[in-house]
Amino acid sequence: MSKTLPSYTSGTSETPLLGMTIGEMLDRTAEKYPDTEAWCACTRTSAGPTKSSSEK
C-alpha cells in the first residue's frame, strides 16, 4: 500500500500546516491516549470510510 500524501493550499500564516493526513493524526492521538475513548463527528451527510477499532 502506498503512503498517502497530503494535498493542500496554504495562504500566508505564521502557523505552519501539520503535513499529515487526518488518519495519521488519529493514529498518533490513539497511540498517545490508548485508554481514552474517541468520538468523531462528521457534518457532511455522505461520510466516507471510518477507522474501526479492528484496525488497531
PDB file of N, CA and C in Angstrom:
ATOM      1  N   MET A   1       0.845  -1.176   0.000  1.00  0.00           N
ATOM      2  CA  MET A   1       0.000   0.000   0.000  1.00  0.00           C
ATOM      3  C   MET A   1       0.886   1.232   0.000  1.00  0.00           C
ATOM      4  N   SER A   2       0.610   2.178  -0.879  1.00  0.00           N
ATOM      5  CA  SER A   2       1.441   3.369  -0.965  1.00  0.00           C
ATOM      6  C   SER A   2       1.049   4.382   0.098  1.00  0.00           C
ATOM      7  N   LYS A   3       1.999   5.187   0.500  1.00  0.00           N
ATOM      8  CA  LYS A   3       1.754   6.223   1.506  1.00  0.00           C
ATOM      9  C   LYS A   3       0.921   7.335   0.898  1.00  0.00           C
ATOM     10  N   THR A   4      -0.106   7.765   1.615  1.00  0.00           N
ATOM     11  CA  THR A   4      -0.954   8.863   1.171  1.00  0.00           C
ATOM     12  C   THR A   4      -0.265  10.173   1.489  1.00  0.00           C
ATOM     13  N   LEU A   5      -0.176  11.042   0.509  1.00  0.00           N
ATOM     14  CA  LEU A   5       0.435  12.343   0.712  1.00  0.00           C
ATOM     15  C   LEU A   5      -0.642  13.409   0.862  1.00  0.00           C
ATOM     16  N   PRO A   6      -0.455  14.354   1.789  1.00  0.00           N
ATOM     17  CA  PRO A   6      -1.443  15.411   1.945  1.00  0.00           C
ATOM     18  C   PRO A   6      -1.461  16.337   0.730  1.00  0.00           C
ATOM     19  N   SER A   7      -2.615  16.846   0.433  1.00  0.00           N
ATOM     20  CA  SER A   7      -2.769  17.798  -0.659  1.00  0.00           C
ATOM     21  C   SER A   7      -3.473  19.025  -0.107  1.00  0.00           C
ATOM     22  N   TYR A   8      -2.846  20.169  -0.203  1.00  0.00           N
ATOM     23  CA  TYR A   8      -3.451  21.364   0.357  1.00  0.00           C
ATOM     24  C   TYR A   8      -2.862  22.616  -0.266  1.00  0.00           C
ATOM     25  N   THR A   9      -3.538  23.711  -0.032  1.00  0.00           N
ATOM     26  CA  THR A   9      -3.062  25.031  -0.404  1.00  0.00           C
ATOM     27  C   THR A   9      -3.022  25.853   0.870  1.00  0.00           C
ATOM     28  N   SER A  10      -2.001  26.631   1.049  1.00  0.00           N
ATOM     29  CA  SER A  10      -1.880  27.428   2.260  1.00  0.00           C
ATOM     30  C   SER A  10      -1.621  28.880   1.900  1.00  0.00           C
ATOM     31  N   GLY A  11      -2.367  29.755   2.525  1.00  0.00           N
ATOM     32  CA  GLY A  11      -2.124  31.188   2.348  1.00  0.00           C
ATOM     33  C   GLY A  11      -1.024  31.625   3.297  1.00  0.00           C
ATOM     34  N   THR A  12      -0.876  32.915   3.463  1.00  0.00           N
ATOM     35  CA  THR A  12       0.152  33.414   4.376  1.00  0.00           C
ATOM     36  C   THR A  12      -0.304  33.235   5.813  1.00  0.00           C
ATOM     37  N   SER A  13       0.561  32.678   6.617  1.00  0.00           N
ATOM     38  CA  SER A  13       0.260  32.442   8.029  1.00  0.00           C
ATOM     39  C   SER A  13       1.559  32.238   8.781  1.00  0.00           C
ATOM     40  N   GLU A  14       1.551  32.624  10.032  1.00  0.00           N
ATOM     41  CA  GLU A  14       2.704  32.394  10.905  1.00  0.00           C
ATOM     42  C   GLU A  14       2.729  30.949  11.402  1.00  0.00           C
ATOM     43  N   THR A  15       1.567  30.257  11.350  1.00  0.00           N
ATOM     44  CA  THR A  15       1.455  28.893  11.841  1.00  0.00           C
ATOM     45  C   THR A  15       1.597  27.910  10.685  1.00  0.00           C
ATOM     46  N   PRO A  16       2.600  27.041  10.708  1.00  0.00           N
ATOM     47  CA  PRO A  16       2.768  26.075   9.620  1.00  0.00           C
ATOM     48  C   PRO A  16       1.716  24.971   9.684  1.00  0.00           C
ATOM     49  N   LEU A  17       1.391  24.380   8.535  1.00  0.00           N
ATOM     50  CA  LEU A  17       0.483  23.238   8.496  1.00  0.00           C
ATOM     51  C   LEU A  17       1.192  22.021   9.083  1.00  0.00           C
ATOM     52  N   LEU A  18       0.422  21.036   9.517  1.00  0.00           N
ATOM     53  CA  LEU A  18       0.999  19.856  10.167  1.00  0.00           C
ATOM     54  C   LEU A  18       1.683  18.912   9.186  1.00  0.00           C
ATOM     55  N   GLY A  19       1.226  18.868   7.947  1.00  0.00           N
ATOM     56  CA  GLY A  19       1.842  17.986   6.965  1.00  0.00           C
ATOM     57  C   GLY A  19       1.496  16.523   7.178  1.00  0.00           C
ATOM     58  N   MET A  20       0.312  16.233   7.715  1.00  0.00           N
ATOM     59  CA  MET A  20      -0.121  14.853   7.897  1.00  0.00           C
ATOM     60  C   MET A  20      -1.606  14.747   7.570  1.00  0.00           C
ATOM     61  N   THR A  21      -2.023  13.529   7.252  1.00  0.00           N
ATOM     62  CA  THR A  21      -3.428  13.303   6.934  1.00  0.00           C
ATOM     63  C   THR A  21      -4.244  13.185   8.223  1.00  0.00           C
ATOM     64  N   ILE A  22      -5.563  13.233   8.100  1.00  0.00           N
ATOM     65  CA  ILE A  22      -6.435  13.078   9.262  1.00  0.00           C
ATOM     66  C   ILE A  22      -6.220  11.694   9.889  1.00  0.00           C
ATOM     67  N   GLY A  23      -6.088  10.676   9.045  1.00  0.00           N
ATOM     68  CA  GLY A  23      -5.845   9.326   9.550  1.00  0.00           C
ATOM     69  C   GLY A  23      -4.546   9.229  10.339  1.00  0.00           C
ATOM     70  N   GLU A  24      -3.504   9.882   9.846  1.00  0.00           N
ATOM     71  CA  GLU A  24      -2.224   9.878  10.563  1.00  0.00           C
ATOM     72  C   GLU A  24      -2.361  10.579  11.915  1.00  0.00           C
ATOM     73  N   MET A  25      -3.122  11.677  11.949  1.00  0.00           N
ATOM     74  CA  MET A  25      -3.328  12.383  13.214  1.00  0.00           C
ATOM     75  C   MET A  25      -4.149  11.530  14.187  1.00  0.00           C
ATOM     76  N   LEU A  26      -5.161  10.806  13.673  1.00  0.00           N
ATOM     77  CA  LEU A  26      -5.947   9.911  14.531  1.00  0.00           C
ATOM     78  C   LEU A  26      -5.065   8.803  15.106  1.00  0.00           C
ATOM     79  N   ASP A  27      -4.223   8.214  14.264  1.00  0.00           N
ATOM     80  CA  ASP A  27      -3.305   7.164  14.730  1.00  0.00           C
ATOM     81  C   ASP A  27      -2.364   7.698  15.805  1.00  0.00           C
ATOM     82  N   ARG A  28      -1.823   8.883  15.586  1.00  0.00           N
ATOM     83  CA  ARG A  28      -0.888   9.487  16.533  1.00  0.00           C
ATOM     84  C   ARG A  28      -1.567   9.763  17.877  1.00  0.00           C
ATOM     85  N   THR A  29      -2.794  10.278  17.803  1.00  0.00           N
ATOM     86  CA  THR A  29      -3.532  10.575  19.028  1.00  0.00           C
ATOM     87  C   THR A  29      -3.922   9.300  19.769  1.00  0.00           C
ATOM     88  N   ALA A  30      -4.311   8.251  19.021  1.00  0.00           N
ATOM     89  CA  ALA A  30      -4.666   6.972  19.646  1.00  0.00           C
ATOM     90  C   ALA A  30      -3.463   6.353  20.359  1.00  0.00           C
ATOM     91  N   GLU A  31      -2.280   6.507  19.790  1.00  0.00           N
ATOM     92  CA  GLU A  31      -1.073   5.996  20.435  1.00  0.00           C
ATOM     93  C   GLU A  31      -0.749   6.783  21.704  1.00  0.00           C
ATOM     94  N   LYS A  32      -1.021   8.085  21.663  1.00  0.00           N
ATOM     95  CA  LYS A  32      -0.725   8.946  22.807  1.00  0.00           C
ATOM     96  C   LYS A  32      -1.706   8.711  23.959  1.00  0.00           C
ATOM     97  N   TYR A  33      -2.977   8.423  23.627  1.00  0.00           N
ATOM     98  CA  TYR A  33      -4.022   8.222  24.632  1.00  0.00           C
ATOM     99  C   TYR A  33      -4.714   6.874  24.388  1.00  0.00           C
ATOM    100  N   PRO A  34      -4.020   5.749  24.601  1.00  0.00           N
ATOM    101  CA  PRO A  34      -4.558   4.441  24.229  1.00  0.00           C
ATOM    102  C   PRO A  34      -5.795   4.001  25.014  1.00  0.00           C
ATOM    103  N   ASP A  35      -5.989   4.512  26.221  1.00  0.00           N
ATOM    104  CA  ASP A  35      -7.112   4.078  27.047  1.00  0.00           C
ATOM    105  C   ASP A  35      -8.266   5.075  27.065  1.00  0.00           C
ATOM    106  N   THR A  36      -8.252   6.036  26.142  1.00  0.00           N
ATOM    107  CA  THR A  36      -9.282   7.061  26.085  1.00  0.00           C
ATOM    108  C   THR A  36     -10.211   6.801  24.913  1.00  0.00           C
ATOM    109  N   GLU A  37     -11.512   6.856  25.171  1.00  0.00           N
ATOM    110  CA  GLU A  37     -12.496   6.653  24.111  1.00  0.00           C
ATOM    111  C   GLU A  37     -12.503   7.861  23.176  1.00  0.00           C
ATOM    112  N   ALA A  38     -12.590   7.619  21.890  1.00  0.00           N
ATOM    113  CA  ALA A  38     -12.595   8.699  20.904  1.00  0.00           C
ATOM    114  C   ALA A  38     -13.986   8.856  20.294  1.00  0.00           C
ATOM    115  N   TRP A  39     -14.386  10.081  20.102  1.00  0.00           N
ATOM    116  CA  TRP A  39     -15.655  10.398  19.442  1.00  0.00           C
ATOM    117  C   TRP A  39     -15.346  11.234  18.210  1.00  0.00           C
ATOM    118  N   CYS A  40     -15.922  10.847  17.092  1.00  0.00           N
ATOM    119  CA  CYS A  40     -15.731  11.595  15.850  1.00  0.00           C
ATOM    120  C   CYS A  40     -17.096  11.992  15.311  1.00  0.00           C
ATOM    121  N   ALA A  41     -17.177  13.172  14.748  1.00  0.00           N
ATOM    122  CA  ALA A  41     -18.428  13.642  14.154  1.00  0.00           C
ATOM    123  C   ALA A  41     -18.143  14.179  12.765  1.00  0.00           C
ATOM    124  N   CYS A  42     -19.066  13.951  11.869  1.00  0.00           N
ATOM    125  CA  CYS A  42     -18.938  14.448  10.505  1.00  0.00           C
ATOM    126  C   CYS A  42     -20.161  15.303  10.211  1.00  0.00           C
ATOM    127  N   THR A  43     -19.934  16.504   9.732  1.00  0.00           N
ATOM    128  CA  THR A  43     -21.054  17.397   9.453  1.00  0.00           C
ATOM    129  C   THR A  43     -21.621  17.183   8.052  1.00  0.00           C
ATOM    130  N   ARG A  44     -20.926  16.407   7.232  1.00  0.00           N
ATOM    131  CA  ARG A  44     -21.426  16.087   5.890  1.00  0.00           C
ATOM    132  C   ARG A  44     -22.422  14.944   5.984  1.00  0.00           C
ATOM    133  N   THR A  45     -23.327  14.877   5.034  1.00  0.00           N
ATOM    134  CA  THR A  45     -24.307  13.793   5.050  1.00  0.00           C
ATOM    135  C   THR A  45     -23.761  12.522   4.415  1.00  0.00           C
ATOM    136  N   SER A  46     -22.742  12.628   3.593  1.00  0.00           N
ATOM    137  CA  SER A  46     -22.176  11.436   2.953  1.00  0.00           C
ATOM    138  C   SER A  46     -20.748  11.235   3.455  1.00  0.00           C
ATOM    139  N   ALA A  47     -20.636  10.586   4.589  1.00  0.00           N
ATOM    140  CA  ALA A  47     -19.326  10.338   5.188  1.00  0.00           C
ATOM    141  C   ALA A  47     -18.623   9.207   4.464  1.00  0.00           C
ATOM    142  N   GLY A  48     -17.319   9.294   4.401  1.00  0.00           N
ATOM    143  CA  GLY A  48     -16.519   8.256   3.766  1.00  0.00           C
ATOM    144  C   GLY A  48     -16.192   7.157   4.750  1.00  0.00           C
ATOM    145  N   PRO A  49     -15.196   6.348   4.408  1.00  0.00           N
ATOM    146  CA  PRO A  49     -14.809   5.233   5.277  1.00  0.00           C
ATOM    147  C   PRO A  49     -14.365   5.729   6.655  1.00  0.00           C
ATOM    148  N   THR A  50     -14.579   4.931   7.663  1.00  0.00           N
ATOM    149  CA  THR A  50     -14.181   5.288   9.017  1.00  0.00           C
ATOM    150  C   THR A  50     -13.118   4.334   9.541  1.00  0.00           C
ATOM    151  N   LYS A  51     -12.391   4.762  10.534  1.00  0.00           N
ATOM    152  CA  LYS A  51     -11.419   3.900  11.188  1.00  0.00           C
ATOM    153  C   LYS A  51     -12.178   3.096  12.232  1.00  0.00           C
ATOM    154  N   SER A  52     -12.045   1.806  12.204  1.00  0.00           N
ATOM    155  CA  SER A  52     -12.731   0.968  13.174  1.00  0.00           C
ATOM    156  C   SER A  52     -11.752   0.474  14.221  1.00  0.00           C
ATOM    157  N   SER A  53     -12.297   0.013  15.315  1.00  0.00           N
ATOM    158  CA  SER A  53     -11.434  -0.480  16.389  1.00  0.00           C
ATOM    159  C   SER A  53     -10.663  -1.722  15.954  1.00  0.00           C
ATOM    160  N   SER A  54     -11.137  -2.391  14.908  1.00  0.00           N
ATOM    161  CA  SER A  54     -10.439  -3.582  14.425  1.00  0.00           C
ATOM    162  C   SER A  54      -9.140  -3.247  13.700  1.00  0.00           C
ATOM    163  N   GLU A  55      -8.929  -1.966  13.368  1.00  0.00           N
ATOM    164  CA  GLU A  55      -7.705  -1.551  12.673  1.00  0.00           C
ATOM    165  C   GLU A  55      -6.555  -1.292  13.630  1.00  0.00           C
ATOM    166  N   LYS A  56      -6.790  -1.415  14.922  1.00  0.00           N
ATOM    167  CA  LYS A  56      -5.730  -1.117  15.911  1.00  0.00           C
ATOM    168  C   LYS A  56      -4.596  -2.094  15.804  1.00  0.00           C
TER     169      LYS A  56
END
